[in-house]
Each structure stands twice: as C-alpha cells, then as structure tokens.
Amino acid sequence: MARGDPGLFCMNPMKKILIPVALFILALPSCAPSKKASTAPAKDFNWKINQLGRTGEHYVMVAAHRSDWRNAPENSMPALEKAIAMGADIAELDLKKTKDGVLVIMHDKTIDRTTSGKGKPEDFTLAEIRKFRLKNGLGRVTEDSIPTFEQYLDLAKGKIILDVDKGYDYFPDVVKMLRDKDMVEQAIINIDDNSTLDEVEQKHGLVAADLWLMPIVQCSDSAKARLLIDSYRRHRRTIYQPCWSNDAMVSHFDFAKLGREGYGIWLNSLWPSLNGGHDDDRAMLPGQAANSWGWLVDKGAAIIQTDRPVALLDYLEQEKLR
C-alpha cells in the first residue's frame, strides 16, 4: 500500500461501495504502522546483573543519565519509570540529604534549577521539600515532587540497575539502605574523582567485597590515573569510569584489557569533555554514530552512559550489540 493511502476501510463514507466483511478484516492490519521485530535475544534482569563487569559477550549496557530526563523531569519517578519501560539497563541518579536526614534524588547543590523552590536541600525537612514541584527539561513546572532514595529503590527493585552518583558523601547511608532493601547486587556506587581504594577505606572503613564500586578516573594525569586503577584491582567488583577531554590522554590506556580481566568499563557519551569529542551530539549527526558510540565500544566500553538512551539502544541493536 502506498504511503498515505488510507486503505479500504478508510474510504469516504459517501461512496456507497460494498466490501465483503472478510476482505475488510484482512485489509485492516495493513493500515497499522509496521514495527520492526527485534532479533536480539531477550535478557532477563538476573542476566543483566551478572553482566556487570564483563565484556566480549556482544552486549553493551545502556545507562540513562538522570533517567529519561528528555520526557520527564530529571531524577523524577516518571523519568525512572520511562527508563525502565524503554529497556535501559541502568538508571543514573544523584543524591542529597534533607535537614531531617532523608536521602532525596537531586543533582544540584540547590533546588533552584530543577524545582519551583529555592535553597539547598539541607535547608528543608522532607515534608517541606516535597511541597516544591519539579521542572521539566524546558523549565516548566510539573506536578511531580522530589522523590526519596527509598522510593527510587522500591520502584527499581528487580527491574533496572541503579548507578548512585553524587552520593559518596553518604556512602555508609547508601550501603545500609541497599542492604536493608536487599539490593546490593543491583546498584553501583560512584567514588569521587581520583580517590584510591586506600583513601576510600581510610574514610569509610573496609569496603565489603559484594559492593559494586565505580571510581572516576581523570585521565589528564596518566600517572595518577594508573595509580588509582591499580589500587582497585584487589576489589573484583570494580567498574572503572575514565574521563578525558582529548584522545591523546587515553592513547596509552587499554581499557579493553581491563575489561577482559573482569573489571567493568563505563564510558560516557554525555558531552565532549568526558570523551574527547565522541559524544551524543556527534552521534546524532548523519553517519557519525560509529565515530561516537562505535568508537567508545571499540575503546572497551561495556557500559555507555548517555543522554540519548533510545537512540543508543537502537544503534546498539543494529550493530548486534544487544
């Protein structure tokens, strides 16, 4: 049927043309938009949990930055719901603490940019901060309120892996909540830039072997970066997150080798300063996805964090990496 053809059942009702019922029924499906069936094998949630820290299985995980903030307020419950629905493997979130000690989902040091209120999260009790409403990506106020970390955990359990960013200051609280919810297997905890495992343990005590840690590796100082990488080798559940502003900084790093050794490799396609220009905006240009997302995969990415999760999922499926 030609594009734009309304089909037999959509004929002008003024035309008195009789159509057999059987023909009508057979013609009906042809008017519905076709959807390409996925050829990728279904991956259950436990398989995805086991995939953390692995490479070479023709599967690259997609991490939705601040969940699906393009279609809902960032770090909101609807954004998390949409990230789950689209099939993202991981949802990234950020933490702050209220005046009465409750962990809430918030990126900035203040609530000014993302809500209808002003001030710091720690200036308000939970009851007070929940009165403000989140803004969407266009800055418009919605009906959504700031969620708690516990709400995020309850929604995500058994559905999507969580990456706890900007939560290192609350490390003991985060670990306790993950254990209380029986979700240690389902969460990655980010570590502050260039903090070695020795420094983490000096601050928080011995780190349990079952925790997934993700040290952020700033590759601008190669000697410090190598020291940091080596410090985490004794912690098998480590996912490295290297960042670099130009490719010369990582020309001597073999992230793929680290992946083959059983460590996770998380690369960001968010903006150029994190990946030497192999970013989401470049990927969206005609014919440039291979020089962005494809380049990161070749560099050893087992996980890519993106602000374009739907497009990245489509690209990886086309490349048989899902």
Foldseek 3Di string as FASTA:
>chain_A
DDPPPQWDVPDDPVDPDDDDPVVVVVGVVVNDDDDDDFPFDDDFLVNLLVCALADDPLAAAEEEELAQQQVPPRVFPVSPVVNLVLPHAEYEFEWDAALVGFIWTDDDQWCVQFWPDTDGRNVHDPVVQQVIFTAGPVRHGDPTGTGTPLVVCVVPVRGHAYEYPNCLVVVVVVVVSCVVSVNQSRYEYEDDELQAPVNSCVVVNDDDLSHQYEYEAELPPVVSSVVRVVRCPVRLNYEYEYFAQACVSCPPPQQQVSSVVRHAYEAEQADRRGPRGLHDVQCPPPPRVCVRVVVVVVSHHSYYYHNCRSVVVVVSSVVSSD
